[in-house]
Amino acid sequence: MPQIDVPVLVVAGERDLFTPLVRSKEMAERIPHAELLVLREASHAAMVEQPELVALTIEKFLVSRCKC
């Protein structure tokens, strides 16, 4: 993962049993300049459980990195 050279947003659910939070944190730490979004009380279905927050965060992430 250290060779990844594009903006990365890791989205994690605090209560995700399929991909535990510790794994998402490790991934974000191993990818240079990656950002981690931890969704409180969310499971592996975090994007369905908190769609507005996820969408807003992704939009902000993309806009801040747009090279338009």
N, C-alpha and C. Protein backbone atom coordinates (compact mmCIF):
# COMPACT_ATOMS: atom_id res chain seq x y z
N MET A 1 0.79 -1.20 0.00
CA MET A 1 0.00 0.00 0.00
C MET A 1 0.84 1.27 0.00
N PRO A 2 2.08 1.24 0.42
CA PRO A 2 2.88 2.48 0.43
C PRO A 2 3.08 3.07 -0.96
N GLN A 3 2.91 2.27 -2.01
CA GLN A 3 3.12 2.78 -3.37
C GLN A 3 1.88 3.47 -3.94
N ILE A 4 0.76 3.45 -3.25
CA ILE A 4 -0.44 4.13 -3.73
C ILE A 4 -0.18 5.63 -3.72
N ASP A 5 -0.43 6.25 -4.87
CA ASP A 5 -0.10 7.66 -5.04
C ASP A 5 -1.30 8.46 -5.54
N VAL A 6 -2.46 8.16 -5.00
CA VAL A 6 -3.69 8.89 -5.33
C VAL A 6 -4.41 9.19 -4.02
N PRO A 7 -5.27 10.18 -4.00
CA PRO A 7 -6.02 10.47 -2.78
C PRO A 7 -6.90 9.28 -2.38
N VAL A 8 -6.88 8.95 -1.11
CA VAL A 8 -7.66 7.81 -0.60
C VAL A 8 -8.42 8.23 0.64
N LEU A 9 -9.71 7.91 0.65
CA LEU A 9 -10.55 8.10 1.82
C LEU A 9 -11.01 6.72 2.26
N VAL A 10 -10.59 6.30 3.43
CA VAL A 10 -11.00 5.02 3.98
C VAL A 10 -12.23 5.29 4.85
N VAL A 11 -13.34 4.62 4.54
CA VAL A 11 -14.58 4.79 5.29
C VAL A 11 -14.78 3.55 6.14
N ALA A 12 -14.94 3.75 7.44
CA ALA A 12 -15.05 2.62 8.36
C ALA A 12 -16.22 2.80 9.31
N GLY A 13 -16.84 1.69 9.64
CA GLY A 13 -17.89 1.69 10.65
C GLY A 13 -17.29 1.30 12.00
N GLU A 14 -17.62 2.05 13.01
CA GLU A 14 -17.07 1.82 14.34
C GLU A 14 -17.38 0.40 14.85
N ARG A 15 -18.53 -0.14 14.47
CA ARG A 15 -18.96 -1.46 14.93
C ARG A 15 -18.98 -2.49 13.80
N ASP A 16 -18.12 -2.30 12.82
CA ASP A 16 -18.05 -3.22 11.68
C ASP A 16 -17.38 -4.51 12.12
N LEU A 17 -18.11 -5.61 12.06
CA LEU A 17 -17.56 -6.91 12.44
C LEU A 17 -16.89 -7.61 11.27
N PHE A 18 -17.29 -7.27 10.05
CA PHE A 18 -16.72 -7.90 8.85
C PHE A 18 -15.33 -7.34 8.56
N THR A 19 -15.19 -6.03 8.64
CA THR A 19 -13.89 -5.36 8.50
C THR A 19 -13.69 -4.53 9.77
N PRO A 20 -13.06 -5.12 10.77
CA PRO A 20 -12.91 -4.42 12.05
C PRO A 20 -12.20 -3.07 11.90
N LEU A 21 -12.56 -2.15 12.76
CA LEU A 21 -12.01 -0.80 12.72
C LEU A 21 -10.48 -0.81 12.74
N VAL A 22 -9.89 -1.72 13.48
CA VAL A 22 -8.43 -1.79 13.54
C VAL A 22 -7.83 -2.02 12.15
N ARG A 23 -8.50 -2.79 11.31
CA ARG A 23 -8.00 -3.04 9.94
C ARG A 23 -8.10 -1.78 9.08
N SER A 24 -9.19 -1.05 9.23
CA SER A 24 -9.34 0.19 8.47
C SER A 24 -8.30 1.21 8.90
N LYS A 25 -8.03 1.27 10.19
CA LYS A 25 -7.00 2.19 10.68
C LYS A 25 -5.63 1.80 10.13
N GLU A 26 -5.33 0.51 10.11
CA GLU A 26 -4.05 0.04 9.55
C GLU A 26 -3.94 0.43 8.08
N MET A 27 -5.02 0.24 7.35
CA MET A 27 -5.01 0.58 5.92
C MET A 27 -4.73 2.07 5.73
N ALA A 28 -5.42 2.91 6.47
CA ALA A 28 -5.22 4.35 6.36
C ALA A 28 -3.80 4.75 6.74
N GLU A 29 -3.22 4.07 7.71
CA GLU A 29 -1.85 4.38 8.12
C GLU A 29 -0.83 3.95 7.07
N ARG A 30 -1.11 2.89 6.34
CA ARG A 30 -0.16 2.36 5.35
C ARG A 30 -0.21 3.07 4.01
N ILE A 31 -1.30 3.76 3.74
CA ILE A 31 -1.43 4.48 2.47
C ILE A 31 -1.01 5.93 2.70
N PRO A 32 0.01 6.39 1.99
CA PRO A 32 0.48 7.76 2.20
C PRO A 32 -0.64 8.79 2.02
N HIS A 33 -0.77 9.66 2.99
CA HIS A 33 -1.70 10.79 2.96
C HIS A 33 -3.18 10.36 2.93
N ALA A 34 -3.47 9.12 3.26
CA ALA A 34 -4.87 8.67 3.29
C ALA A 34 -5.59 9.32 4.45
N GLU A 35 -6.89 9.48 4.28
CA GLU A 35 -7.74 10.00 5.35
C GLU A 35 -8.67 8.90 5.80
N LEU A 36 -9.03 8.93 7.07
CA LEU A 36 -9.91 7.92 7.64
C LEU A 36 -11.17 8.58 8.17
N LEU A 37 -12.31 8.09 7.73
CA LEU A 37 -13.60 8.52 8.25
C LEU A 37 -14.16 7.36 9.05
N VAL A 38 -14.34 7.56 10.35
CA VAL A 38 -14.93 6.54 11.21
C VAL A 38 -16.35 6.97 11.55
N LEU A 39 -17.29 6.15 11.18
CA LEU A 39 -18.69 6.44 11.42
C LEU A 39 -19.12 5.81 12.73
N ARG A 40 -19.48 6.65 13.68
CA ARG A 40 -19.87 6.18 15.02
C ARG A 40 -21.10 5.29 14.94
N GLU A 41 -21.05 4.23 15.72
CA GLU A 41 -22.18 3.30 15.85
C GLU A 41 -22.55 2.60 14.55
N ALA A 42 -21.72 2.71 13.51
CA ALA A 42 -22.04 2.12 12.21
C ALA A 42 -21.43 0.73 12.08
N SER A 43 -22.10 -0.09 11.28
CA SER A 43 -21.63 -1.45 11.01
C SER A 43 -20.97 -1.50 9.63
N HIS A 44 -20.89 -2.70 9.06
CA HIS A 44 -20.32 -2.85 7.72
C HIS A 44 -21.22 -2.15 6.68
N ALA A 45 -22.45 -1.89 7.04
CA ALA A 45 -23.40 -1.22 6.15
C ALA A 45 -23.44 0.29 6.44
N ALA A 46 -22.32 0.84 6.83
CA ALA A 46 -22.25 2.24 7.25
C ALA A 46 -22.79 3.20 6.20
N MET A 47 -22.55 2.92 4.94
CA MET A 47 -22.99 3.83 3.88
C MET A 47 -24.51 3.84 3.75
N VAL A 48 -25.15 2.77 4.14
CA VAL A 48 -26.61 2.69 4.12
C VAL A 48 -27.17 3.29 5.40
N GLU A 49 -26.46 3.09 6.50
CA GLU A 49 -26.91 3.57 7.80
C GLU A 49 -26.78 5.08 7.96
N GLN A 50 -25.75 5.67 7.35
CA GLN A 50 -25.50 7.10 7.48
C GLN A 50 -25.18 7.72 6.12
N PRO A 51 -26.10 7.59 5.16
CA PRO A 51 -25.79 8.02 3.79
C PRO A 51 -25.49 9.50 3.64
N GLU A 52 -26.17 10.35 4.41
CA GLU A 52 -25.95 11.79 4.26
C GLU A 52 -24.53 12.17 4.67
N LEU A 53 -24.08 11.63 5.80
CA LEU A 53 -22.73 11.94 6.29
C LEU A 53 -21.68 11.40 5.34
N VAL A 54 -21.89 10.19 4.85
CA VAL A 54 -20.92 9.59 3.92
C VAL A 54 -20.87 10.42 2.64
N ALA A 55 -22.01 10.75 2.07
CA ALA A 55 -22.05 11.53 0.83
C ALA A 55 -21.39 12.89 1.00
N LEU A 56 -21.70 13.57 2.08
CA LEU A 56 -21.12 14.88 2.35
C LEU A 56 -19.60 14.80 2.49
N THR A 57 -19.13 13.79 3.20
CA THR A 57 -17.69 13.63 3.40
C THR A 57 -16.98 13.30 2.10
N ILE A 58 -17.57 12.42 1.30
CA ILE A 58 -16.97 12.08 0.01
C ILE A 58 -16.93 13.30 -0.90
N GLU A 59 -18.02 14.07 -0.93
CA GLU A 59 -18.06 15.28 -1.75
C GLU A 59 -16.97 16.26 -1.32
N LYS A 60 -16.85 16.49 -0.03
CA LYS A 60 -15.83 17.40 0.50
C LYS A 60 -14.43 16.89 0.15
N PHE A 61 -14.22 15.60 0.30
CA PHE A 61 -12.93 14.97 -0.01
C PHE A 61 -12.57 15.19 -1.49
N LEU A 62 -13.52 14.95 -2.38
CA LEU A 62 -13.26 15.08 -3.81
C LEU A 62 -13.05 16.54 -4.22
N VAL A 63 -13.87 17.43 -3.71
CA VAL A 63 -13.74 18.85 -4.05
C VAL A 63 -12.39 19.40 -3.59
N SER A 64 -11.94 18.97 -2.42
CA SER A 64 -10.67 19.48 -1.90
C SER A 64 -9.47 18.97 -2.69
N ARG A 65 -9.67 17.93 -3.49
CA ARG A 65 -8.57 17.37 -4.27
C ARG A 65 -8.74 17.55 -5.78
N CYS A 66 -9.77 18.24 -6.17
CA CYS A 66 -10.05 18.45 -7.59
C CYS A 66 -8.94 19.31 -8.22
N LYS A 67 -8.45 18.81 -9.34
CA LYS A 67 -7.41 19.55 -10.07
C LYS A 67 -8.02 20.12 -11.35
N CYS A 68 -9.22 20.67 -11.21
CA CYS A 68 -9.96 21.21 -12.36
C CYS A 68 -9.50 22.61 -12.70
